Structures are given as C-alpha cells and as structure tokens.
Amino acid sequence: MSPHSEGPARRVLNWLRGGRPEGIAQGDYIALMGVLHRKLTTVEVEHVATALLEEGHYDDDLITHDEIHDMIAAKVHEEATEEDIARVSELLAKAGIHLEAGLPGADA
C-alpha cells in the first residue's frame, strides 16, 4: 500500500512510529494535537494513541490507554498559535503527510 493510499491517521501513526518526530520540540506537541484535531476526527486521534500503546511503544506500567485519552482531551482544549500550527503542518508535509484536501497524500 502506498503512503498516499493510506488514511491520514495511518500516515501520522507511521510517522510517529519512526521515533520521536524529528524537529518536533516538546513545546510543539500542543500544536501537533491542534493540527491533528483540525484534520483528524477524535476517533482517528485516539486510534493513533491506541495503536502506539498496543504495539508496545509505551510500557503499560508507565502510561495507560486512559492516560493517553486524558492527555488528548486535555491538549485539545489548549490553544496553539497559528504560527505553531503552520510550523507543525510544514513538518508533517515534509514527512509526506499532507492533511489538506487536494494535496498529495490527503484524503479526497
């Protein structure tokens, strides 16, 4: 399956699986959540978190599904600046993840 035929949640998940996203500073995670929630449904964002947990990217003793869910819910209500959103969107685009309709790799 080509990266462009995968859905946006799968493309983001694959990008995150590669290790810590290069260039994403800890302070940019709010912006990343802002980008994801602008372009992915809550279910898709939770799918990313759940898949990472199930695949062993997090030790169950360190973080649980409920904690991931709570972190997502908390971050959604934090505001990222337009500059932060643009910076993170550019990093996603450089990784081949275009979430805007009409761009390569975006869902139709």
PDB file of N, CA and C in Angstrom:
ATOM      1  N   MET A   1       0.859  -1.175   0.000  1.00  0.00           N
ATOM      2  CA  MET A   1       0.000   0.000   0.000  1.00  0.00           C
ATOM      3  C   MET A   1       0.901   1.232   0.000  1.00  0.00           C
ATOM      4  N   SER A   2       0.666   2.151  -0.889  1.00  0.00           N
ATOM      5  CA  SER A   2       1.494   3.350  -0.965  1.00  0.00           C
ATOM      6  C   SER A   2       1.088   4.307   0.144  1.00  0.00           C
ATOM      7  N   PRO A   3       2.035   5.174   0.572  1.00  0.00           N
ATOM      8  CA  PRO A   3       1.702   6.125   1.622  1.00  0.00           C
ATOM      9  C   PRO A   3       0.517   7.009   1.254  1.00  0.00           C
ATOM     10  N   HIS A   4       0.334   7.275  -0.050  1.00  0.00           N
ATOM     11  CA  HIS A   4      -0.743   8.166  -0.451  1.00  0.00           C
ATOM     12  C   HIS A   4      -2.104   7.485  -0.425  1.00  0.00           C
ATOM     13  N   SER A   5      -2.150   6.141  -0.366  1.00  0.00           N
ATOM     14  CA  SER A   5      -3.438   5.462  -0.321  1.00  0.00           C
ATOM     15  C   SER A   5      -3.875   5.177   1.116  1.00  0.00           C
ATOM     16  N   GLU A   6      -2.999   5.451   2.089  1.00  0.00           N
ATOM     17  CA  GLU A   6      -3.355   5.264   3.483  1.00  0.00           C
ATOM     18  C   GLU A   6      -4.144   6.473   3.970  1.00  0.00           C
ATOM     19  N   GLY A   7      -4.961   6.257   4.978  1.00  0.00           N
ATOM     20  CA  GLY A   7      -5.697   7.368   5.565  1.00  0.00           C
ATOM     21  C   GLY A   7      -4.769   8.249   6.381  1.00  0.00           C
ATOM     22  N   PRO A   8      -5.225   9.441   6.739  1.00  0.00           N
ATOM     23  CA  PRO A   8      -4.360  10.362   7.476  1.00  0.00           C
ATOM     24  C   PRO A   8      -3.935   9.834   8.841  1.00  0.00           C
ATOM     25  N   ALA A   9      -4.803   9.135   9.546  1.00  0.00           N
ATOM     26  CA  ALA A   9      -4.428   8.602  10.856  1.00  0.00           C
ATOM     27  C   ALA A   9      -3.295   7.598  10.711  1.00  0.00           C
ATOM     28  N   ARG A  10      -3.354   6.740   9.709  1.00  0.00           N
ATOM     29  CA  ARG A  10      -2.311   5.738   9.481  1.00  0.00           C
ATOM     30  C   ARG A  10      -0.992   6.413   9.103  1.00  0.00           C
ATOM     31  N   ARG A  11      -1.045   7.460   8.266  1.00  0.00           N
ATOM     32  CA  ARG A  11       0.182   8.153   7.866  1.00  0.00           C
ATOM     33  C   ARG A  11       0.841   8.815   9.076  1.00  0.00           C
ATOM     34  N   VAL A  12       0.037   9.447   9.934  1.00  0.00           N
ATOM     35  CA  VAL A  12       0.591  10.073  11.131  1.00  0.00           C
ATOM     36  C   VAL A  12       1.158   9.005  12.053  1.00  0.00           C
ATOM     37  N   LEU A  13       0.449   7.913  12.226  1.00  0.00           N
ATOM     38  CA  LEU A  13       0.922   6.822  13.068  1.00  0.00           C
ATOM     39  C   LEU A  13       2.256   6.296  12.561  1.00  0.00           C
ATOM     40  N   ASN A  14       2.379   6.060  11.270  1.00  0.00           N
ATOM     41  CA  ASN A  14       3.639   5.579  10.700  1.00  0.00           C
ATOM     42  C   ASN A  14       4.762   6.580  10.928  1.00  0.00           C
ATOM     43  N   TRP A  15       4.456   7.856  10.812  1.00  0.00           N
ATOM     44  CA  TRP A  15       5.449   8.905  11.032  1.00  0.00           C
ATOM     45  C   TRP A  15       5.903   8.894  12.486  1.00  0.00           C
ATOM     46  N   LEU A  16       4.956   8.767  13.413  1.00  0.00           N
ATOM     47  CA  LEU A  16       5.306   8.738  14.826  1.00  0.00           C
ATOM     48  C   LEU A  16       6.075   7.476  15.196  1.00  0.00           C
ATOM     49  N   ARG A  17       5.784   6.367  14.541  1.00  0.00           N
ATOM     50  CA  ARG A  17       6.468   5.102  14.809  1.00  0.00           C
ATOM     51  C   ARG A  17       7.959   5.186  14.518  1.00  0.00           C
ATOM     52  N   GLY A  18       8.345   6.072  13.628  1.00  0.00           N
ATOM     53  CA  GLY A  18       9.748   6.197  13.259  1.00  0.00           C
ATOM     54  C   GLY A  18      10.618   6.719  14.387  1.00  0.00           C
ATOM     55  N   GLY A  19      10.071   6.960  15.525  1.00  0.00           N
ATOM     56  CA  GLY A  19      10.795   7.527  16.647  1.00  0.00           C
ATOM     57  C   GLY A  19      10.230   8.897  16.938  1.00  0.00           C
ATOM     58  N   ARG A  20      10.873   9.611  17.780  1.00  0.00           N
ATOM     59  CA  ARG A  20      10.393  10.972  18.046  1.00  0.00           C
ATOM     60  C   ARG A  20      10.432  11.755  16.755  1.00  0.00           C
ATOM     61  N   PRO A  21       9.348  12.393  16.412  1.00  0.00           N
ATOM     62  CA  PRO A  21       9.335  13.145  15.156  1.00  0.00           C
ATOM     63  C   PRO A  21      10.462  14.174  15.125  1.00  0.00           C
ATOM     64  N   GLU A  22      11.339  14.022  14.161  1.00  0.00           N
ATOM     65  CA  GLU A  22      12.474  14.935  14.048  1.00  0.00           C
ATOM     66  C   GLU A  22      11.962  16.359  13.881  1.00  0.00           C
ATOM     67  N   GLY A  23      12.492  17.239  14.673  1.00  0.00           N
ATOM     68  CA  GLY A  23      12.120  18.634  14.565  1.00  0.00           C
ATOM     69  C   GLY A  23      10.923  19.036  15.412  1.00  0.00           C
ATOM     70  N   ILE A  24      10.247  18.080  16.039  1.00  0.00           N
ATOM     71  CA  ILE A  24       9.105  18.426  16.891  1.00  0.00           C
ATOM     72  C   ILE A  24       9.628  18.613  18.313  1.00  0.00           C
ATOM     73  N   ALA A  25       9.690  19.846  18.741  1.00  0.00           N
ATOM     74  CA  ALA A  25      10.111  20.140  20.105  1.00  0.00           C
ATOM     75  C   ALA A  25       8.961  19.829  21.050  1.00  0.00           C
ATOM     76  N   GLN A  26       9.292  19.582  22.314  1.00  0.00           N
ATOM     77  CA  GLN A  26       8.248  19.242  23.280  1.00  0.00           C
ATOM     78  C   GLN A  26       7.149  20.299  23.287  1.00  0.00           C
ATOM     79  N   GLY A  27       7.513  21.558  23.145  1.00  0.00           N
ATOM     80  CA  GLY A  27       6.528  22.627  23.138  1.00  0.00           C
ATOM     81  C   GLY A  27       5.612  22.603  21.932  1.00  0.00           C
ATOM     82  N   ASP A  28       5.982  21.847  20.896  1.00  0.00           N
ATOM     83  CA  ASP A  28       5.167  21.774  19.687  1.00  0.00           C
ATOM     84  C   ASP A  28       4.104  20.684  19.745  1.00  0.00           C
ATOM     85  N   TYR A  29       4.083  19.891  20.805  1.00  0.00           N
ATOM     86  CA  TYR A  29       3.084  18.828  20.866  1.00  0.00           C
ATOM     87  C   TYR A  29       1.667  19.389  20.944  1.00  0.00           C
ATOM     88  N   ILE A  30       1.501  20.554  21.580  1.00  0.00           N
ATOM     89  CA  ILE A  30       0.175  21.179  21.601  1.00  0.00           C
ATOM     90  C   ILE A  30      -0.227  21.528  20.178  1.00  0.00           C
ATOM     91  N   ALA A  31       0.729  22.086  19.420  1.00  0.00           N
ATOM     92  CA  ALA A  31       0.442  22.423  18.019  1.00  0.00           C
ATOM     93  C   ALA A  31       0.157  21.165  17.212  1.00  0.00           C
ATOM     94  N   LEU A  32       0.905  20.081  17.466  1.00  0.00           N
ATOM     95  CA  LEU A  32       0.659  18.825  16.755  1.00  0.00           C
ATOM     96  C   LEU A  32      -0.759  18.343  17.028  1.00  0.00           C
ATOM     97  N   MET A  33      -1.181  18.403  18.287  1.00  0.00           N
ATOM     98  CA  MET A  33      -2.546  17.998  18.610  1.00  0.00           C
ATOM     99  C   MET A  33      -3.540  18.921  17.916  1.00  0.00           C
ATOM    100  N   GLY A  34      -3.204  20.209  17.839  1.00  0.00           N
ATOM    101  CA  GLY A  34      -4.081  21.146  17.144  1.00  0.00           C
ATOM    102  C   GLY A  34      -4.220  20.804  15.676  1.00  0.00           C
ATOM    103  N   VAL A  35      -3.094  20.471  15.038  1.00  0.00           N
ATOM    104  CA  VAL A  35      -3.128  20.079  13.622  1.00  0.00           C
ATOM    105  C   VAL A  35      -3.946  18.811  13.460  1.00  0.00           C
ATOM    106  N   LEU A  36      -3.676  17.819  14.292  1.00  0.00           N
ATOM    107  CA  LEU A  36      -4.385  16.546  14.169  1.00  0.00           C
ATOM    108  C   LEU A  36      -5.877  16.725  14.383  1.00  0.00           C
ATOM    109  N   HIS A  37      -6.249  17.509  15.375  1.00  0.00           N
ATOM    110  CA  HIS A  37      -7.679  17.676  15.634  1.00  0.00           C
ATOM    111  C   HIS A  37      -8.362  18.562  14.610  1.00  0.00           C
ATOM    112  N   ARG A  38      -7.593  19.348  13.892  1.00  0.00           N
ATOM    113  CA  ARG A  38      -8.193  20.115  12.799  1.00  0.00           C
ATOM    114  C   ARG A  38      -8.466  19.211  11.606  1.00  0.00           C
ATOM    115  N   LYS A  39      -7.647  18.181  11.435  1.00  0.00           N
ATOM    116  CA  LYS A  39      -7.711  17.365  10.226  1.00  0.00           C
ATOM    117  C   LYS A  39      -8.175  15.938  10.468  1.00  0.00           C
ATOM    118  N   LEU A  40      -8.035  15.428  11.691  1.00  0.00           N
ATOM    119  CA  LEU A  40      -8.458  14.067  12.014  1.00  0.00           C
ATOM    120  C   LEU A  40      -9.631  14.138  12.981  1.00  0.00           C
ATOM    121  N   THR A  41     -10.444  13.114  12.956  1.00  0.00           N
ATOM    122  CA  THR A  41     -11.532  13.041  13.926  1.00  0.00           C
ATOM    123  C   THR A  41     -10.962  12.632  15.277  1.00  0.00           C
ATOM    124  N   THR A  42     -11.729  12.840  16.325  1.00  0.00           N
ATOM    125  CA  THR A  42     -11.308  12.403  17.654  1.00  0.00           C
ATOM    126  C   THR A  42     -11.043  10.908  17.653  1.00  0.00           C
ATOM    127  N   VAL A  43     -11.872  10.160  16.952  1.00  0.00           N
ATOM    128  CA  VAL A  43     -11.691   8.703  16.862  1.00  0.00           C
ATOM    129  C   VAL A  43     -10.358   8.378  16.199  1.00  0.00           C
ATOM    130  N   GLU A  44     -10.002   9.096  15.128  1.00  0.00           N
ATOM    131  CA  GLU A  44      -8.728   8.840  14.446  1.00  0.00           C
ATOM    132  C   GLU A  44      -7.539   9.169  15.346  1.00  0.00           C
ATOM    133  N   VAL A  45      -7.612  10.269  16.091  1.00  0.00           N
ATOM    134  CA  VAL A  45      -6.527  10.621  17.006  1.00  0.00           C
ATOM    135  C   VAL A  45      -6.397   9.556  18.087  1.00  0.00           C
ATOM    136  N   GLU A  46      -7.526   9.100  18.626  1.00  0.00           N
ATOM    137  CA  GLU A  46      -7.482   8.045  19.634  1.00  0.00           C
ATOM    138  C   GLU A  46      -6.952   6.746  19.034  1.00  0.00           C
ATOM    139  N   HIS A  47      -7.256   6.483  17.759  1.00  0.00           N
ATOM    140  CA  HIS A  47      -6.728   5.291  17.090  1.00  0.00           C
ATOM    141  C   HIS A  47      -5.203   5.340  17.060  1.00  0.00           C
ATOM    142  N   VAL A  48      -4.641   6.497  16.760  1.00  0.00           N
ATOM    143  CA  VAL A  48      -3.186   6.646  16.746  1.00  0.00           C
ATOM    144  C   VAL A  48      -2.619   6.317  18.122  1.00  0.00           C
ATOM    145  N   ALA A  49      -3.190   6.903  19.168  1.00  0.00           N
ATOM    146  CA  ALA A  49      -2.699   6.670  20.524  1.00  0.00           C
ATOM    147  C   ALA A  49      -2.857   5.210  20.932  1.00  0.00           C
ATOM    148  N   THR A  50      -4.001   4.621  20.638  1.00  0.00           N
ATOM    149  CA  THR A  50      -4.256   3.226  20.998  1.00  0.00           C
ATOM    150  C   THR A  50      -3.317   2.282  20.259  1.00  0.00           C
ATOM    151  N   ALA A  51      -3.106   2.523  18.976  1.00  0.00           N
ATOM    152  CA  ALA A  51      -2.217   1.661  18.192  1.00  0.00           C
ATOM    153  C   ALA A  51      -0.799   1.714  18.735  1.00  0.00           C
ATOM    154  N   LEU A  52      -0.319   2.895  19.095  1.00  0.00           N
ATOM    155  CA  LEU A  52       1.020   3.007  19.666  1.00  0.00           C
ATOM    156  C   LEU A  52       1.114   2.238  20.977  1.00  0.00           C
ATOM    157  N   LEU A  53       0.085   2.330  21.804  1.00  0.00           N
ATOM    158  CA  LEU A  53       0.065   1.618  23.076  1.00  0.00           C
ATOM    159  C   LEU A  53       0.049   0.112  22.850  1.00  0.00           C
ATOM    160  N   GLU A  54      -0.812  -0.364  21.955  1.00  0.00           N
ATOM    161  CA  GLU A  54      -0.945  -1.797  21.698  1.00  0.00           C
ATOM    162  C   GLU A  54       0.307  -2.390  21.068  1.00  0.00           C
ATOM    163  N   GLU A  55       1.043  -1.599  20.313  1.00  0.00           N
ATOM    164  CA  GLU A  55       2.242  -2.100  19.656  1.00  0.00           C
ATOM    165  C   GLU A  55       3.465  -2.021  20.555  1.00  0.00           C
ATOM    166  N   GLY A  56       3.258  -1.632  21.801  1.00  0.00           N
ATOM    167  CA  GLY A  56       4.358  -1.638  22.748  1.00  0.00           C
ATOM    168  C   GLY A  56       5.248  -0.417  22.699  1.00  0.00           C
ATOM    169  N   HIS A  57       4.787   0.661  22.081  1.00  0.00           N
ATOM    170  CA  HIS A  57       5.597   1.868  22.051  1.00  0.00           C
ATOM    171  C   HIS A  57       5.590   2.569  23.402  1.00  0.00           C
ATOM    172  N   TYR A  58       4.684   2.167  24.266  1.00  0.00           N
ATOM    173  CA  TYR A  58       4.626   2.676  25.625  1.00  0.00           C
ATOM    174  C   TYR A  58       4.493   1.478  26.545  1.00  0.00           C
ATOM    175  N   ASP A  59       5.174   1.527  27.665  1.00  0.00           N
ATOM    176  CA  ASP A  59       5.094   0.473  28.668  1.00  0.00           C
ATOM    177  C   ASP A  59       3.808   0.691  29.460  1.00  0.00           C
ATOM    178  N   ASP A  60       2.972  -0.341  29.535  1.00  0.00           N
ATOM    179  CA  ASP A  60       1.695  -0.212  30.248  1.00  0.00           C
ATOM    180  C   ASP A  60       1.875   0.260  31.685  1.00  0.00           C
ATOM    181  N   ASP A  61       3.054  -0.042  32.278  1.00  0.00           N
ATOM    182  CA  ASP A  61       3.295   0.402  33.644  1.00  0.00           C
ATOM    183  C   ASP A  61       3.557   1.904  33.704  1.00  0.00           C
ATOM    184  N   LEU A  62       3.936   2.481  32.574  1.00  0.00           N
ATOM    185  CA  LEU A  62       4.254   3.898  32.547  1.00  0.00           C
ATOM    186  C   LEU A  62       3.077   4.750  32.107  1.00  0.00           C
ATOM    187  N   ILE A  63       2.326   4.271  31.143  1.00  0.00           N
ATOM    188  CA  ILE A  63       1.204   5.051  30.624  1.00  0.00           C
ATOM    189  C   ILE A  63       0.105   4.092  30.175  1.00  0.00           C
ATOM    190  N   THR A  64      -1.114   4.424  30.502  1.00  0.00           N
ATOM    191  CA  THR A  64      -2.246   3.567  30.154  1.00  0.00           C
ATOM    192  C   THR A  64      -3.070   4.207  29.045  1.00  0.00           C
ATOM    193  N   HIS A  65      -3.965   3.415  28.469  1.00  0.00           N
ATOM    194  CA  HIS A  65      -4.873   3.936  27.448  1.00  0.00           C
ATOM    195  C   HIS A  65      -5.672   5.111  28.004  1.00  0.00           C
ATOM    196  N   ASP A  66      -6.164   4.978  29.233  1.00  0.00           N
ATOM    197  CA  ASP A  66      -6.948   6.063  29.837  1.00  0.00           C
ATOM    198  C   ASP A  66      -6.115   7.328  29.998  1.00  0.00           C
ATOM    199  N   GLU A  67      -4.832   7.167  30.348  1.00  0.00           N
ATOM    200  CA  GLU A  67      -3.966   8.338  30.483  1.00  0.00           C
ATOM    201  C   GLU A  67      -3.736   9.002  29.129  1.00  0.00           C
ATOM    202  N   ILE A  68      -3.566   8.195  28.083  1.00  0.00           N
ATOM    203  CA  ILE A  68      -3.419   8.747  26.733  1.00  0.00           C
ATOM    204  C   ILE A  68      -4.686   9.509  26.361  1.00  0.00           C
ATOM    205  N   HIS A  69      -5.837   8.899  26.601  1.00  0.00           N
ATOM    206  CA  HIS A  69      -7.120   9.542  26.297  1.00  0.00           C
ATOM    207  C   HIS A  69      -7.235  10.869  27.042  1.00  0.00           C
ATOM    208  N   ASP A  70      -6.890  10.870  28.325  1.00  0.00           N
ATOM    209  CA  ASP A  70      -6.986  12.089  29.124  1.00  0.00           C
ATOM    210  C   ASP A  70      -6.030  13.166  28.617  1.00  0.00           C
ATOM    211  N   MET A  71      -4.818  12.756  28.199  1.00  0.00           N
ATOM    212  CA  MET A  71      -3.862  13.727  27.663  1.00  0.00           C
ATOM    213  C   MET A  71      -4.386  14.341  26.373  1.00  0.00           C
ATOM    214  N   ILE A  72      -4.961  13.509  25.508  1.00  0.00           N
ATOM    215  CA  ILE A  72      -5.530  14.023  24.259  1.00  0.00           C
ATOM    216  C   ILE A  72      -6.639  15.014  24.576  1.00  0.00           C
ATOM    217  N   ALA A  73      -7.533  14.631  25.481  1.00  0.00           N
ATOM    218  CA  ALA A  73      -8.655  15.505  25.832  1.00  0.00           C
ATOM    219  C   ALA A  73      -8.159  16.824  26.418  1.00  0.00           C
ATOM    220  N   ALA A  74      -7.130  16.775  27.249  1.00  0.00           N
ATOM    221  CA  ALA A  74      -6.601  17.996  27.859  1.00  0.00           C
ATOM    222  C   ALA A  74      -5.937  18.887  26.819  1.00  0.00           C
ATOM    223  N   LYS A  75      -5.176  18.306  25.904  1.00  0.00           N
ATOM    224  CA  LYS A  75      -4.452  19.085  24.899  1.00  0.00           C
ATOM    225  C   LYS A  75      -5.389  19.729  23.890  1.00  0.00           C
ATOM    226  N   VAL A  76      -6.513  19.093  23.631  1.00  0.00           N
ATOM    227  CA  VAL A  76      -7.459  19.622  22.653  1.00  0.00           C
ATOM    228  C   VAL A  76      -7.937  21.006  23.072  1.00  0.00           C
ATOM    229  N   HIS A  77      -8.044  21.217  24.369  1.00  0.00           N
ATOM    230  CA  HIS A  77      -8.574  22.483  24.855  1.00  0.00           C
ATOM    231  C   HIS A  77      -7.506  23.561  24.995  1.00  0.00           C
ATOM    232  N   GLU A  78      -6.227  23.182  24.818  1.00  0.00           N
ATOM    233  CA  GLU A  78      -5.170  24.176  24.818  1.00  0.00           C
ATOM    234  C   GLU A  78      -5.082  24.762  23.422  1.00  0.00           C
ATOM    235  N   GLU A  79      -4.796  26.011  23.341  1.00  0.00           N
ATOM    236  CA  GLU A  79      -4.738  26.693  22.052  1.00  0.00           C
ATOM    237  C   GLU A  79      -3.306  26.746  21.543  1.00  0.00           C
ATOM    238  N   ALA A  80      -3.119  26.346  20.330  1.00  0.00           N
ATOM    239  CA  ALA A  80      -1.839  26.520  19.649  1.00  0.00           C
ATOM    240  C   ALA A  80      -1.957  27.773  18.793  1.00  0.00           C
ATOM    241  N   THR A  81      -0.848  28.477  18.651  1.00  0.00           N
ATOM    242  CA  THR A  81      -0.883  29.673  17.815  1.00  0.00           C
ATOM    243  C   THR A  81      -0.915  29.262  16.350  1.00  0.00           C
ATOM    244  N   GLU A  82      -1.351  30.166  15.502  1.00  0.00           N
ATOM    245  CA  GLU A  82      -1.351  29.892  14.060  1.00  0.00           C
ATOM    246  C   GLU A  82       0.069  29.612  13.582  1.00  0.00           C
ATOM    247  N   GLU A  83       1.053  30.308  14.164  1.00  0.00           N
ATOM    248  CA  GLU A  83       2.457  30.077  13.808  1.00  0.00           C
ATOM    249  C   GLU A  83       2.870  28.651  14.165  1.00  0.00           C
ATOM    250  N   ASP A  84       2.480  28.191  15.365  1.00  0.00           N
ATOM    251  CA  ASP A  84       2.785  26.817  15.781  1.00  0.00           C
ATOM    252  C   ASP A  84       2.129  25.810  14.839  1.00  0.00           C
ATOM    253  N   ILE A  85       0.864  26.049  14.505  1.00  0.00           N
ATOM    254  CA  ILE A  85       0.130  25.155  13.607  1.00  0.00           C
ATOM    255  C   ILE A  85       0.829  25.094  12.252  1.00  0.00           C
ATOM    256  N   ALA A  86       1.234  26.257  11.735  1.00  0.00           N
ATOM    257  CA  ALA A  86       1.906  26.302  10.432  1.00  0.00           C
ATOM    258  C   ALA A  86       3.227  25.548  10.475  1.00  0.00           C
ATOM    259  N   ARG A  87       4.005  25.722  11.555  1.00  0.00           N
ATOM    260  CA  ARG A  87       5.302  25.045  11.685  1.00  0.00           C
ATOM    261  C   ARG A  87       5.124  23.524  11.715  1.00  0.00           C
ATOM    262  N   VAL A  88       4.179  23.041  12.510  1.00  0.00           N
ATOM    263  CA  VAL A  88       3.960  21.596  12.614  1.00  0.00           C
ATOM    264  C   VAL A  88       3.371  21.049  11.316  1.00  0.00           C
ATOM    265  N   SER A  89       2.480  21.804  10.690  1.00  0.00           N
ATOM    266  CA  SER A  89       1.926  21.371   9.398  1.00  0.00           C
ATOM    267  C   SER A  89       3.034  21.218   8.368  1.00  0.00           C
ATOM    268  N   GLU A  90       4.006  22.138   8.385  1.00  0.00           N
ATOM    269  CA  GLU A  90       5.138  22.057   7.455  1.00  0.00           C
ATOM    270  C   GLU A  90       5.980  20.810   7.726  1.00  0.00           C
ATOM    271  N   LEU A  91       6.205  20.484   9.005  1.00  0.00           N
ATOM    272  CA  LEU A  91       6.961  19.275   9.340  1.00  0.00           C
ATOM    273  C   LEU A  91       6.231  18.022   8.863  1.00  0.00           C
ATOM    274  N   LEU A  92       4.912  17.989   9.043  1.00  0.00           N
ATOM    275  CA  LEU A  92       4.133  16.855   8.553  1.00  0.00           C
ATOM    276  C   LEU A  92       4.225  16.766   7.033  1.00  0.00           C
ATOM    277  N   ALA A  93       4.124  17.902   6.352  1.00  0.00           N
ATOM    278  CA  ALA A  93       4.199  17.915   4.888  1.00  0.00           C
ATOM    279  C   ALA A  93       5.557  17.419   4.409  1.00  0.00           C
ATOM    280  N   LYS A  94       6.635  17.812   5.100  1.00  0.00           N
ATOM    281  CA  LYS A  94       7.978  17.347   4.726  1.00  0.00           C
ATOM    282  C   LYS A  94       8.098  15.838   4.882  1.00  0.00           C
ATOM    283  N   ALA A  95       7.300  15.274   5.800  1.00  0.00           N
ATOM    284  CA  ALA A  95       7.297  13.821   6.001  1.00  0.00           C
ATOM    285  C   ALA A  95       6.328  13.135   5.044  1.00  0.00           C
ATOM    286  N   GLY A  96       5.735  13.910   4.122  1.00  0.00           N
ATOM    287  CA  GLY A  96       4.811  13.336   3.146  1.00  0.00           C
ATOM    288  C   GLY A  96       3.393  13.205   3.647  1.00  0.00           C
ATOM    289  N   ILE A  97       3.079  13.865   4.749  1.00  0.00           N
ATOM    290  CA  ILE A  97       1.741  13.792   5.324  1.00  0.00           C
ATOM    291  C   ILE A  97       1.049  15.117   5.062  1.00  0.00           C
ATOM    292  N   HIS A  98       0.245  15.150   4.009  1.00  0.00           N
ATOM    293  CA  HIS A  98      -0.485  16.355   3.628  1.00  0.00           C
ATOM    294  C   HIS A  98      -1.942  16.154   4.029  1.00  0.00           C
ATOM    295  N   LEU A  99      -2.382  16.891   5.010  1.00  0.00           N
ATOM    296  CA  LEU A  99      -3.727  16.698   5.536  1.00  0.00           C
ATOM    297  C   LEU A  99      -4.744  17.624   4.902  1.00  0.00           C
ATOM    298  N   GLU A 100      -4.302  18.578   4.106  1.00  0.00           N
ATOM    299  CA  GLU A 100      -5.225  19.486   3.426  1.00  0.00           C
ATOM    300  C   GLU A 100      -5.815  18.795   2.207  1.00  0.00           C
ATOM    301  N   ALA A 101      -7.106  18.885   2.040  1.00  0.00           N
ATOM    302  CA  ALA A 101      -7.769  18.283   0.879  1.00  0.00           C
ATOM    303  C   ALA A 101      -7.143  18.812  -0.403  1.00  0.00           C
ATOM    304  N   GLY A 102      -6.932  17.926  -1.357  1.00  0.00           N
ATOM    305  CA  GLY A 102      -6.395  18.307  -2.650  1.00  0.00           C
ATOM    306  C   GLY A 102      -4.887  18.190  -2.748  1.00  0.00           C
ATOM    307  N   LEU A 103      -4.187  18.034  -1.628  1.00  0.00           N
ATOM    308  CA  LEU A 103      -2.742  17.870  -1.669  1.00  0.00           C
ATOM    309  C   LEU A 103      -2.399  16.390  -1.762  1.00  0.00           C
ATOM    310  N   PRO A 104      -1.236  16.049  -2.332  1.00  0.00           N
ATOM    311  CA  PRO A 104      -0.854  14.637  -2.404  1.00  0.00           C
ATOM    312  C   PRO A 104      -0.853  14.017  -1.011  1.00  0.00           C
ATOM    313  N   GLY A 105      -1.441  12.850  -0.892  1.00  0.00           N
ATOM    314  CA  GLY A 105      -1.487  12.148   0.379  1.00  0.00           C
ATOM    315  C   GLY A 105      -2.685  12.489   1.236  1.00  0.00           C
ATOM    316  N   ALA A 106      -3.449  13.476   0.838  1.00  0.00           N
ATOM    317  CA  ALA A 106      -4.640  13.844   1.606  1.00  0.00           C
ATOM    318  C   ALA A 106      -5.804  12.973   1.169  1.00  0.00           C
ATOM    319  N   ASP A 107      -6.714  12.762   2.085  1.00  0.00           N
ATOM    320  CA  ASP A 107      -7.933  12.051   1.709  1.00  0.00           C
ATOM    321  C   ASP A 107      -8.765  12.969   0.840  1.00  0.00           C
ATOM    322  N   ALA A 108      -9.467  12.384  -0.103  1.00  0.00           N
ATOM    323  CA  ALA A 108     -10.299  13.186  -1.014  1.00  0.00           C
ATOM    324  C   ALA A 108     -11.470  13.782  -0.295  1.00  0.00           C
TER     325      ALA A 108
END
